[in-house]
Amino acid sequence: RLSCVASDHSASIATMGWYRQAPGKQRELVASATSGNAKNY
């Protein structure tokens, strides 16, 4: 389980998500969630 904490409460209006990058590969979106909790994987 990975966790991420933002320093500003205004983060609540933004989309937050996780990306990953393996050696020799392009960074890719893993998952995201909007301010309205719409999710993408």
PDB file of all heavy atoms in Angstrom:
ATOM      1  N   ARG A   1       0.842  -1.193   0.000  1.00  0.00           N
ATOM      2  CA  ARG A   1       0.000   0.000   0.000  1.00  0.00           C
ATOM      3  C   ARG A   1       0.878   1.244   0.000  1.00  0.00           C
ATOM      4  O   ARG A   1       1.706   1.417   0.894  1.00  0.00           O
ATOM      5  CB  ARG A   1      -0.926   0.023   1.219  1.00  0.00           C
ATOM      6  CG  ARG A   1      -1.980   1.130   1.168  1.00  0.00           C
ATOM      7  CD  ARG A   1      -2.904   1.079   2.382  1.00  0.00           C
ATOM      8  NE  ARG A   1      -4.008   2.026   2.276  1.00  0.00           N
ATOM      9  CZ  ARG A   1      -5.205   1.738   1.780  1.00  0.00           C
ATOM     10  NH1 ARG A   1      -5.475   0.510   1.354  1.00  0.00           N
ATOM     11  NH2 ARG A   1      -6.143   2.676   1.722  1.00  0.00           N
ATOM     12  N   LEU A   2       0.685   2.095  -0.999  1.00  0.00           N
ATOM     13  CA  LEU A   2       1.392   3.354  -1.100  1.00  0.00           C
ATOM     14  C   LEU A   2       0.509   4.487  -0.599  1.00  0.00           C
ATOM     15  O   LEU A   2      -0.706   4.484  -0.818  1.00  0.00           O
ATOM     16  CB  LEU A   2       1.804   3.644  -2.545  1.00  0.00           C
ATOM     17  CG  LEU A   2       2.608   2.571  -3.275  1.00  0.00           C
ATOM     18  CD1 LEU A   2       2.958   3.050  -4.678  1.00  0.00           C
ATOM     19  CD2 LEU A   2       3.866   2.219  -2.502  1.00  0.00           C
ATOM     20  N   SER A   3       1.132   5.464   0.042  1.00  0.00           N
ATOM     21  CA  SER A   3       0.405   6.621   0.543  1.00  0.00           C
ATOM     22  C   SER A   3       1.091   7.896   0.095  1.00  0.00           C
ATOM     23  O   SER A   3       2.311   7.942  -0.054  1.00  0.00           O
ATOM     24  CB  SER A   3       0.320   6.596   2.071  1.00  0.00           C
ATOM     25  OG  SER A   3      -0.419   5.482   2.525  1.00  0.00           O
ATOM     26  N   CYS A   4       0.300   8.934  -0.103  1.00  0.00           N
ATOM     27  CA  CYS A   4       0.817  10.235  -0.497  1.00  0.00           C
ATOM     28  C   CYS A   4       0.048  11.307   0.253  1.00  0.00           C
ATOM     29  O   CYS A   4      -1.189  11.265   0.302  1.00  0.00           O
ATOM     30  CB  CYS A   4       0.682  10.441  -2.002  1.00  0.00           C
ATOM     31  SG  CYS A   4       1.141  12.084  -2.596  1.00  0.00           S
ATOM     32  N   VAL A   5       0.777  12.260   0.816  1.00  0.00           N
ATOM     33  CA  VAL A   5       0.178  13.362   1.559  1.00  0.00           C
ATOM     34  C   VAL A   5       0.548  14.675   0.888  1.00  0.00           C
ATOM     35  O   VAL A   5       1.726  14.925   0.622  1.00  0.00           O
ATOM     36  CB  VAL A   5       0.640  13.375   3.024  1.00  0.00           C
ATOM     37  CG1 VAL A   5      -0.019  14.524   3.772  1.00  0.00           C
ATOM     38  CG2 VAL A   5       0.316  12.056   3.691  1.00  0.00           C
ATOM     39  N   ALA A   6      -0.442  15.505   0.621  1.00  0.00           N
ATOM     40  CA  ALA A   6      -0.226  16.834   0.060  1.00  0.00           C
ATOM     41  C   ALA A   6      -0.139  17.864   1.168  1.00  0.00           C
ATOM     42  O   ALA A   6      -0.813  17.753   2.194  1.00  0.00           O
ATOM     43  CB  ALA A   6      -1.347  17.200  -0.910  1.00  0.00           C
ATOM     44  N   SER A   7       0.673  18.880   0.943  1.00  0.00           N
ATOM     45  CA  SER A   7       0.917  19.886   1.972  1.00  0.00           C
ATOM     46  C   SER A   7      -0.147  20.967   2.033  1.00  0.00           C
ATOM     47  O   SER A   7      -0.145  21.774   2.963  1.00  0.00           O
ATOM     48  CB  SER A   7       2.279  20.543   1.742  1.00  0.00           C
ATOM     49  OG  SER A   7       2.296  21.251   0.512  1.00  0.00           O
ATOM     50  N   ASP A   8      -1.058  21.003   1.071  1.00  0.00           N
ATOM     51  CA  ASP A   8      -2.043  22.068   0.962  1.00  0.00           C
ATOM     52  C   ASP A   8      -3.437  21.475   0.859  1.00  0.00           C
ATOM     53  O   ASP A   8      -3.685  20.589   0.034  1.00  0.00           O
ATOM     54  CB  ASP A   8      -1.739  22.942  -0.264  1.00  0.00           C
ATOM     55  CG  ASP A   8      -2.451  24.284  -0.249  1.00  0.00           C
ATOM     56  OD1 ASP A   8      -3.597  24.348   0.226  1.00  0.00           O
ATOM     57  OD2 ASP A   8      -1.860  25.275  -0.727  1.00  0.00           O
ATOM     58  N   HIS A   9      -4.357  21.991   1.672  1.00  0.00           N
ATOM     59  CA  HIS A   9      -5.720  21.476   1.647  1.00  0.00           C
ATOM     60  C   HIS A   9      -6.429  21.759   0.324  1.00  0.00           C
ATOM     61  O   HIS A   9      -7.418  21.090   0.009  1.00  0.00           O
ATOM     62  CB  HIS A   9      -6.532  22.052   2.804  1.00  0.00           C
ATOM     63  CG  HIS A   9      -7.907  21.474   2.905  1.00  0.00           C
ATOM     64  ND1 HIS A   9      -8.129  20.132   3.124  1.00  0.00           N
ATOM     65  CD2 HIS A   9      -9.135  22.049   2.811  1.00  0.00           C
ATOM     66  CE1 HIS A   9      -9.440  19.902   3.162  1.00  0.00           C
ATOM     67  NE2 HIS A   9     -10.067  21.048   2.978  1.00  0.00           N
ATOM     68  N   SER A  10      -5.945  22.725  -0.453  1.00  0.00           N
ATOM     69  CA  SER A  10      -6.533  22.991  -1.758  1.00  0.00           C
ATOM     70  C   SER A  10      -6.377  21.812  -2.707  1.00  0.00           C
ATOM     71  O   SER A  10      -6.966  21.803  -3.787  1.00  0.00           O
ATOM     72  CB  SER A  10      -5.930  24.252  -2.383  1.00  0.00           C
ATOM     73  OG  SER A  10      -4.531  24.101  -2.595  1.00  0.00           O
ATOM     74  N   ALA A  11      -5.589  20.827  -2.313  1.00  0.00           N
ATOM     75  CA  ALA A  11      -5.477  19.605  -3.089  1.00  0.00           C
ATOM     76  C   ALA A  11      -6.824  18.945  -3.326  1.00  0.00           C
ATOM     77  O   ALA A  11      -6.992  18.185  -4.281  1.00  0.00           O
ATOM     78  CB  ALA A  11      -4.529  18.631  -2.398  1.00  0.00           C
ATOM     79  N   SER A  12      -7.791  19.227  -2.485  1.00  0.00           N
ATOM     80  CA  SER A  12      -9.105  18.610  -2.602  1.00  0.00           C
ATOM     81  C   SER A  12      -9.824  18.977  -3.892  1.00  0.00           C
ATOM     82  O   SER A  12     -10.730  18.249  -4.313  1.00  0.00           O
ATOM     83  CB  SER A  12      -9.981  18.977  -1.398  1.00  0.00           C
ATOM     84  OG  SER A  12     -10.206  20.373  -1.347  1.00  0.00           O
ATOM     85  N   ILE A  13      -9.465  20.076  -4.533  1.00  0.00           N
ATOM     86  CA  ILE A  13     -10.117  20.484  -5.777  1.00  0.00           C
ATOM     87  C   ILE A  13      -9.417  19.907  -7.002  1.00  0.00           C
ATOM     88  O   ILE A  13      -9.877  20.130  -8.128  1.00  0.00           O
ATOM     89  CB  ILE A  13     -10.195  22.019  -5.906  1.00  0.00           C
ATOM     90  CG1 ILE A  13      -8.812  22.631  -6.173  1.00  0.00           C
ATOM     91  CG2 ILE A  13     -10.838  22.625  -4.667  1.00  0.00           C
ATOM     92  CD1 ILE A  13      -8.855  24.101  -6.515  1.00  0.00           C
ATOM     93  N   ALA A  14      -8.336  19.199  -6.790  1.00  0.00           N
ATOM     94  CA  ALA A  14      -7.500  18.725  -7.886  1.00  0.00           C
ATOM     95  C   ALA A  14      -7.645  17.222  -8.089  1.00  0.00           C
ATOM     96  O   ALA A  14      -8.148  16.494  -7.229  1.00  0.00           O
ATOM     97  CB  ALA A  14      -6.039  19.062  -7.614  1.00  0.00           C
ATOM     98  N   THR A  15      -7.189  16.777  -9.245  1.00  0.00           N
ATOM     99  CA  THR A  15      -7.038  15.357  -9.496  1.00  0.00           C
ATOM    100  C   THR A  15      -5.717  14.881  -8.891  1.00  0.00           C
ATOM    101  O   THR A  15      -4.687  15.521  -9.068  1.00  0.00           O
ATOM    102  CB  THR A  15      -7.053  15.066 -11.007  1.00  0.00           C
ATOM    103  OG1 THR A  15      -8.335  15.405 -11.539  1.00  0.00           O
ATOM    104  CG2 THR A  15      -6.769  13.598 -11.288  1.00  0.00           C
ATOM    105  N   MET A  16      -5.758  13.782  -8.181  1.00  0.00           N
ATOM    106  CA  MET A  16      -4.556  13.172  -7.640  1.00  0.00           C
ATOM    107  C   MET A  16      -4.440  11.755  -8.182  1.00  0.00           C
ATOM    108  O   MET A  16      -5.450  11.094  -8.435  1.00  0.00           O
ATOM    109  CB  MET A  16      -4.558  13.153  -6.117  1.00  0.00           C
ATOM    110  CG  MET A  16      -4.526  14.531  -5.487  1.00  0.00           C
ATOM    111  SD  MET A  16      -4.310  14.500  -3.686  1.00  0.00           S
ATOM    112  CE  MET A  16      -2.583  13.994  -3.566  1.00  0.00           C
ATOM    113  N   GLY A  17      -3.215  11.316  -8.352  1.00  0.00           N
ATOM    114  CA  GLY A  17      -3.029   9.986  -8.890  1.00  0.00           C
ATOM    115  C   GLY A  17      -1.621   9.481  -8.716  1.00  0.00           C
ATOM    116  O   GLY A  17      -0.772  10.125  -8.096  1.00  0.00           O
ATOM    117  N   TRP A  18      -1.413   8.304  -9.273  1.00  0.00           N
ATOM    118  CA  TRP A  18      -0.127   7.633  -9.217  1.00  0.00           C
ATOM    119  C   TRP A  18       0.354   7.300 -10.616  1.00  0.00           C
ATOM    120  O   TRP A  18      -0.412   6.798 -11.447  1.00  0.00           O
ATOM    121  CB  TRP A  18      -0.228   6.344  -8.396  1.00  0.00           C
ATOM    122  CG  TRP A  18      -0.466   6.581  -6.935  1.00  0.00           C
ATOM    123  CD1 TRP A  18      -1.660   6.658  -6.295  1.00  0.00           C
ATOM    124  CD2 TRP A  18       0.544   6.769  -5.939  1.00  0.00           C
ATOM    125  NE1 TRP A  18      -1.473   6.888  -4.958  1.00  0.00           N
ATOM    126  CE2 TRP A  18      -0.125   6.963  -4.710  1.00  0.00           C
ATOM    127  CE3 TRP A  18       1.932   6.799  -5.959  1.00  0.00           C
ATOM    128  CZ2 TRP A  18       0.557   7.176  -3.514  1.00  0.00           C
ATOM    129  CZ3 TRP A  18       2.616   7.012  -4.776  1.00  0.00           C
ATOM    130  CH2 TRP A  18       1.926   7.196  -3.576  1.00  0.00           C
ATOM    131  N   TYR A  19       1.612   7.587 -10.857  1.00  0.00           N
ATOM    132  CA  TYR A  19       2.301   7.208 -12.078  1.00  0.00           C
ATOM    133  C   TYR A  19       3.472   6.316 -11.703  1.00  0.00           C
ATOM    134  O   TYR A  19       3.910   6.296 -10.554  1.00  0.00           O
ATOM    135  CB  TYR A  19       2.816   8.438 -12.825  1.00  0.00           C
ATOM    136  CG  TYR A  19       1.740   9.306 -13.443  1.00  0.00           C
ATOM    137  CD1 TYR A  19       0.894  10.079 -12.648  1.00  0.00           C
ATOM    138  CD2 TYR A  19       1.583   9.365 -14.826  1.00  0.00           C
ATOM    139  CE1 TYR A  19      -0.085  10.875 -13.210  1.00  0.00           C
ATOM    140  CE2 TYR A  19       0.605  10.170 -15.399  1.00  0.00           C
ATOM    141  CZ  TYR A  19      -0.217  10.917 -14.585  1.00  0.00           C
ATOM    142  OH  TYR A  19      -1.178  11.714 -15.159  1.00  0.00           O
ATOM    143  N   ARG A  20       3.991   5.595 -12.677  1.00  0.00           N
ATOM    144  CA  ARG A  20       5.167   4.783 -12.421  1.00  0.00           C
ATOM    145  C   ARG A  20       6.090   4.816 -13.626  1.00  0.00           C
ATOM    146  O   ARG A  20       5.662   5.029 -14.757  1.00  0.00           O
ATOM    147  CB  ARG A  20       4.797   3.342 -12.073  1.00  0.00           C
ATOM    148  CG  ARG A  20       4.172   2.544 -13.217  1.00  0.00           C
ATOM    149  CD  ARG A  20       3.713   1.179 -12.718  1.00  0.00           C
ATOM    150  NE  ARG A  20       3.138   0.373 -13.784  1.00  0.00           N
ATOM    151  CZ  ARG A  20       2.525  -0.789 -13.596  1.00  0.00           C
ATOM    152  NH1 ARG A  20       2.412  -1.286 -12.365  1.00  0.00           N
ATOM    153  NH2 ARG A  20       2.030  -1.461 -14.630  1.00  0.00           N
ATOM    154  N   GLN A  21       7.361   4.591 -13.359  1.00  0.00           N
ATOM    155  CA  GLN A  21       8.362   4.565 -14.406  1.00  0.00           C
ATOM    156  C   GLN A  21       9.368   3.465 -14.106  1.00  0.00           C
ATOM    157  O   GLN A  21      10.035   3.493 -13.068  1.00  0.00           O
ATOM    158  CB  GLN A  21       9.074   5.910 -14.538  1.00  0.00           C
ATOM    159  CG  GLN A  21      10.006   5.982 -15.726  1.00  0.00           C
ATOM    160  CD  GLN A  21      10.459   7.406 -16.014  1.00  0.00           C
ATOM    161  OE1 GLN A  21      10.458   8.264 -15.136  1.00  0.00           O
ATOM    162  NE2 GLN A  21      10.847   7.655 -17.253  1.00  0.00           N
ATOM    163  N   ALA A  22       9.452   2.514 -15.006  1.00  0.00           N
ATOM    164  CA  ALA A  22      10.429   1.443 -14.908  1.00  0.00           C
ATOM    165  C   ALA A  22      11.665   1.825 -15.713  1.00  0.00           C
ATOM    166  O   ALA A  22      11.591   2.630 -16.641  1.00  0.00           O
ATOM    167  CB  ALA A  22       9.836   0.135 -15.428  1.00  0.00           C
ATOM    168  N   PRO A  23      12.824   1.245 -15.378  1.00  0.00           N
ATOM    169  CA  PRO A  23      14.044   1.565 -16.126  1.00  0.00           C
ATOM    170  C   PRO A  23      13.878   1.327 -17.623  1.00  0.00           C
ATOM    171  O   PRO A  23      13.400   0.273 -18.048  1.00  0.00           O
ATOM    172  CB  PRO A  23      15.077   0.614 -15.521  1.00  0.00           C
ATOM    173  CG  PRO A  23      14.581   0.351 -14.142  1.00  0.00           C
ATOM    174  CD  PRO A  23      13.086   0.319 -14.270  1.00  0.00           C
ATOM    175  N   GLY A  24      14.245   2.319 -18.413  1.00  0.00           N
ATOM    176  CA  GLY A  24      14.164   2.206 -19.855  1.00  0.00           C
ATOM    177  C   GLY A  24      12.776   2.359 -20.433  1.00  0.00           C
ATOM    178  O   GLY A  24      12.599   2.186 -21.646  1.00  0.00           O
ATOM    179  N   LYS A  25      11.790   2.685 -19.609  1.00  0.00           N
ATOM    180  CA  LYS A  25      10.420   2.819 -20.077  1.00  0.00           C
ATOM    181  C   LYS A  25       9.877   4.215 -19.785  1.00  0.00           C
ATOM    182  O   LYS A  25      10.383   4.933 -18.926  1.00  0.00           O
ATOM    183  CB  LYS A  25       9.522   1.764 -19.437  1.00  0.00           C
ATOM    184  CG  LYS A  25       9.871   0.331 -19.809  1.00  0.00           C
ATOM    185  CD  LYS A  25       8.892  -0.650 -19.205  1.00  0.00           C
ATOM    186  CE  LYS A  25       9.217  -2.072 -19.602  1.00  0.00           C
ATOM    187  NZ  LYS A  25       8.263  -3.043 -19.014  1.00  0.00           N
ATOM    188  N   GLN A  26       8.828   4.578 -20.506  1.00  0.00           N
ATOM    189  CA  GLN A  26       8.181   5.864 -20.333  1.00  0.00           C
ATOM    190  C   GLN A  26       7.319   5.862 -19.072  1.00  0.00           C
ATOM    191  O   GLN A  26       6.734   4.841 -18.710  1.00  0.00           O
ATOM    192  CB  GLN A  26       7.338   6.175 -21.564  1.00  0.00           C
ATOM    193  CG  GLN A  26       6.766   7.573 -21.618  1.00  0.00           C
ATOM    194  CD  GLN A  26       6.060   7.847 -22.936  1.00  0.00           C
ATOM    195  OE1 GLN A  26       5.995   6.991 -23.809  1.00  0.00           O
ATOM    196  NE2 GLN A  26       5.527   9.050 -23.076  1.00  0.00           N
ATOM    197  N   ARG A  27       7.252   7.007 -18.417  1.00  0.00           N
ATOM    198  CA  ARG A  27       6.374   7.127 -17.270  1.00  0.00           C
ATOM    199  C   ARG A  27       4.918   6.965 -17.714  1.00  0.00           C
ATOM    200  O   ARG A  27       4.495   7.527 -18.725  1.00  0.00           O
ATOM    201  CB  ARG A  27       6.565   8.482 -16.587  1.00  0.00           C
ATOM    202  CG  ARG A  27       5.769   8.642 -15.304  1.00  0.00           C
ATOM    203  CD  ARG A  27       6.086   9.954 -14.593  1.00  0.00           C
ATOM    204  NE  ARG A  27       7.489  10.036 -14.197  1.00  0.00           N
ATOM    205  CZ  ARG A  27       7.991  11.006 -13.447  1.00  0.00           C
ATOM    206  NH1 ARG A  27       7.213  11.976 -12.987  1.00  0.00           N
ATOM    207  NH2 ARG A  27       9.292  11.007 -13.154  1.00  0.00           N
ATOM    208  N   GLU A  28       4.158   6.203 -16.951  1.00  0.00           N
ATOM    209  CA  GLU A  28       2.782   5.914 -17.317  1.00  0.00           C
ATOM    210  C   GLU A  28       1.839   6.127 -16.147  1.00  0.00           C
ATOM    211  O   GLU A  28       2.214   5.955 -14.981  1.00  0.00           O
ATOM    212  CB  GLU A  28       2.647   4.465 -17.816  1.00  0.00           C
ATOM    213  CG  GLU A  28       2.967   3.416 -16.760  1.00  0.00           C
ATOM    214  CD  GLU A  28       2.709   1.995 -17.219  1.00  0.00           C
ATOM    215  OE1 GLU A  28       2.085   1.808 -18.276  1.00  0.00           O
ATOM    216  OE2 GLU A  28       3.144   1.058 -16.516  1.00  0.00           O
ATOM    217  N   LEU A  29       0.614   6.482 -16.481  1.00  0.00           N
ATOM    218  CA  LEU A  29      -0.430   6.614 -15.469  1.00  0.00           C
ATOM    219  C   LEU A  29      -0.819   5.242 -14.957  1.00  0.00           C
ATOM    220  O   LEU A  29      -1.079   4.327 -15.736  1.00  0.00           O
ATOM    221  CB  LEU A  29      -1.653   7.316 -16.051  1.00  0.00           C
ATOM    222  CG  LEU A  29      -2.880   7.378 -15.141  1.00  0.00           C
ATOM    223  CD1 LEU A  29      -2.626   8.309 -13.965  1.00  0.00           C
ATOM    224  CD2 LEU A  29      -4.110   7.826 -15.922  1.00  0.00           C
ATOM    225  N   VAL A  30      -0.879   5.104 -13.645  1.00  0.00           N
ATOM    226  CA  VAL A  30      -1.347   3.881 -13.017  1.00  0.00           C
ATOM    227  C   VAL A  30      -2.809   4.018 -12.620  1.00  0.00           C
ATOM    228  O   VAL A  30      -3.649   3.186 -12.968  1.00  0.00           O
ATOM    229  CB  VAL A  30      -0.495   3.521 -11.790  1.00  0.00           C
ATOM    230  CG1 VAL A  30      -1.024   2.253 -11.115  1.00  0.00           C
ATOM    231  CG2 VAL A  30       0.968   3.348 -12.184  1.00  0.00           C
ATOM    232  N   ALA A  31      -3.120   5.069 -11.880  1.00  0.00           N
ATOM    233  CA  ALA A  31      -4.483   5.313 -11.428  1.00  0.00           C
ATOM    234  C   ALA A  31      -4.620   6.764 -11.022  1.00  0.00           C
ATOM    235  O   ALA A  31      -3.649   7.390 -10.583  1.00  0.00           O
ATOM    236  CB  ALA A  31      -4.852   4.401 -10.250  1.00  0.00           C
ATOM    237  N   SER A  32      -5.821   7.299 -11.160  1.00  0.00           N
ATOM    238  CA  SER A  32      -6.084   8.671 -10.751  1.00  0.00           C
ATOM    239  C   SER A  32      -7.497   8.783 -10.209  1.00  0.00           C
ATOM    240  O   SER A  32      -8.360   7.950 -10.497  1.00  0.00           O
ATOM    241  CB  SER A  32      -5.876   9.648 -11.909  1.00  0.00           C
ATOM    242  OG  SER A  32      -6.797   9.405 -12.952  1.00  0.00           O
ATOM    243  N   ALA A  33      -7.718   9.830  -9.431  1.00  0.00           N
ATOM    244  CA  ALA A  33      -9.032  10.113  -8.872  1.00  0.00           C
ATOM    245  C   ALA A  33      -9.246  11.615  -8.877  1.00  0.00           C
ATOM    246  O   ALA A  33      -8.398  12.372  -8.388  1.00  0.00           O
ATOM    247  CB  ALA A  33      -9.160   9.555  -7.453  1.00  0.00           C
ATOM    248  N   THR A  34     -10.378  12.057  -9.422  1.00  0.00           N
ATOM    249  CA  THR A  34     -10.685  13.478  -9.498  1.00  0.00           C
ATOM    250  C   THR A  34     -11.192  13.993  -8.165  1.00  0.00           C
ATOM    251  O   THR A  34     -11.383  13.245  -7.205  1.00  0.00           O
ATOM    252  CB  THR A  34     -11.731  13.749 -10.582  1.00  0.00           C
ATOM    253  OG1 THR A  34     -12.992  13.201 -10.164  1.00  0.00           O
ATOM    254  CG2 THR A  34     -11.334  13.135 -11.909  1.00  0.00           C
ATOM    255  N   SER A  35     -11.439  15.301  -8.121  1.00  0.00           N
ATOM    256  CA  SER A  35     -12.012  15.904  -6.923  1.00  0.00           C
ATOM    257  C   SER A  35     -13.397  15.355  -6.619  1.00  0.00           C
ATOM    258  O   SER A  35     -13.831  15.390  -5.471  1.00  0.00           O
ATOM    259  CB  SER A  35     -12.075  17.421  -7.070  1.00  0.00           C
ATOM    260  OG  SER A  35     -12.898  17.795  -8.163  1.00  0.00           O
ATOM    261  N   GLY A  36     -14.086  14.862  -7.636  1.00  0.00           N
ATOM    262  CA  GLY A  36     -15.381  14.227  -7.465  1.00  0.00           C
ATOM    263  C   GLY A  36     -15.296  12.724  -7.310  1.00  0.00           C
ATOM    264  O   GLY A  36     -16.324  12.042  -7.329  1.00  0.00           O
ATOM    265  N   ASN A  37     -14.084  12.191  -7.183  1.00  0.00           N
ATOM    266  CA  ASN A  37     -13.811  10.780  -6.938  1.00  0.00           C
ATOM    267  C   ASN A  37     -14.109   9.898  -8.148  1.00  0.00           C
ATOM    268  O   ASN A  37     -14.333   8.691  -7.999  1.00  0.00           O
ATOM    269  CB  ASN A  37     -14.572  10.263  -5.717  1.00  0.00           C
ATOM    270  CG  ASN A  37     -13.859   9.110  -5.040  1.00  0.00           C
ATOM    271  OD1 ASN A  37     -12.632   9.032  -5.061  1.00  0.00           O
ATOM    272  ND2 ASN A  37     -14.625   8.215  -4.436  1.00  0.00           N
ATOM    273  N   ALA A  38     -14.085  10.476  -9.344  1.00  0.00           N
ATOM    274  CA  ALA A  38     -14.106   9.666 -10.550  1.00  0.00           C
ATOM    275  C   ALA A  38     -12.725   9.052 -10.735  1.00  0.00           C
ATOM    276  O   ALA A  38     -11.713   9.751 -10.670  1.00  0.00           O
ATOM    277  CB  ALA A  38     -14.484  10.506 -11.759  1.00  0.00           C
ATOM    278  N   LYS A  39     -12.677   7.747 -10.997  1.00  0.00           N
ATOM    279  CA  LYS A  39     -11.409   7.030 -11.007  1.00  0.00           C
ATOM    280  C   LYS A  39     -11.076   6.483 -12.384  1.00  0.00           C
ATOM    281  O   LYS A  39     -11.954   6.117 -13.159  1.00  0.00           O
ATOM    282  CB  LYS A  39     -11.452   5.893  -9.989  1.00  0.00           C
ATOM    283  CG  LYS A  39     -11.668   6.382  -8.561  1.00  0.00           C
ATOM    284  CD  LYS A  39     -11.788   5.234  -7.584  1.00  0.00           C
ATOM    285  CE  LYS A  39     -12.021   5.745  -6.172  1.00  0.00           C
ATOM    286  NZ  LYS A  39     -12.157   4.632  -5.201  1.00  0.00           N
ATOM    287  N   ASN A  40      -9.793   6.429 -12.638  1.00  0.00           N
ATOM    288  CA  ASN A  40      -9.280   5.906 -13.892  1.00  0.00           C
ATOM    289  C   ASN A  40      -8.091   5.006 -13.595  1.00  0.00           C
ATOM    290  O   ASN A  40      -7.232   5.365 -12.793  1.00  0.00           O
ATOM    291  CB  ASN A  40      -8.866   7.050 -14.822  1.00  0.00           C
ATOM    292  CG  ASN A  40      -8.486   6.583 -16.198  1.00  0.00           C
ATOM    293  OD1 ASN A  40      -9.074   5.647 -16.725  1.00  0.00           O
ATOM    294  ND2 ASN A  40      -7.506   7.246 -16.801  1.00  0.00           N
ATOM    295  N   TYR A  41      -8.040   3.847 -14.254  1.00  0.00           N
ATOM    296  CA  TYR A  41      -6.968   2.884 -14.045  1.00  0.00           C
ATOM    297  C   TYR A  41      -6.360   2.470 -15.369  1.00  0.00           C
ATOM    298  O   TYR A  41      -7.053   2.360 -16.384  1.00  0.00           O
ATOM    299  CB  TYR A  41      -7.479   1.615 -13.357  1.00  0.00           C
ATOM    300  CG  TYR A  41      -7.977   1.800 -11.948  1.00  0.00           C
ATOM    301  CD1 TYR A  41      -9.317   2.040 -11.693  1.00  0.00           C
ATOM    302  CD2 TYR A  41      -7.104   1.710 -10.871  1.00  0.00           C
ATOM    303  CE1 TYR A  41      -9.780   2.200 -10.394  1.00  0.00           C
ATOM    304  CE2 TYR A  41      -7.557   1.863  -9.569  1.00  0.00           C
ATOM    305  CZ  TYR A  41      -8.895   2.104  -9.339  1.00  0.00           C
ATOM    306  OH  TYR A  41      -9.352   2.255  -8.046  1.00  0.00           O
TER     307      TYR A  41
END
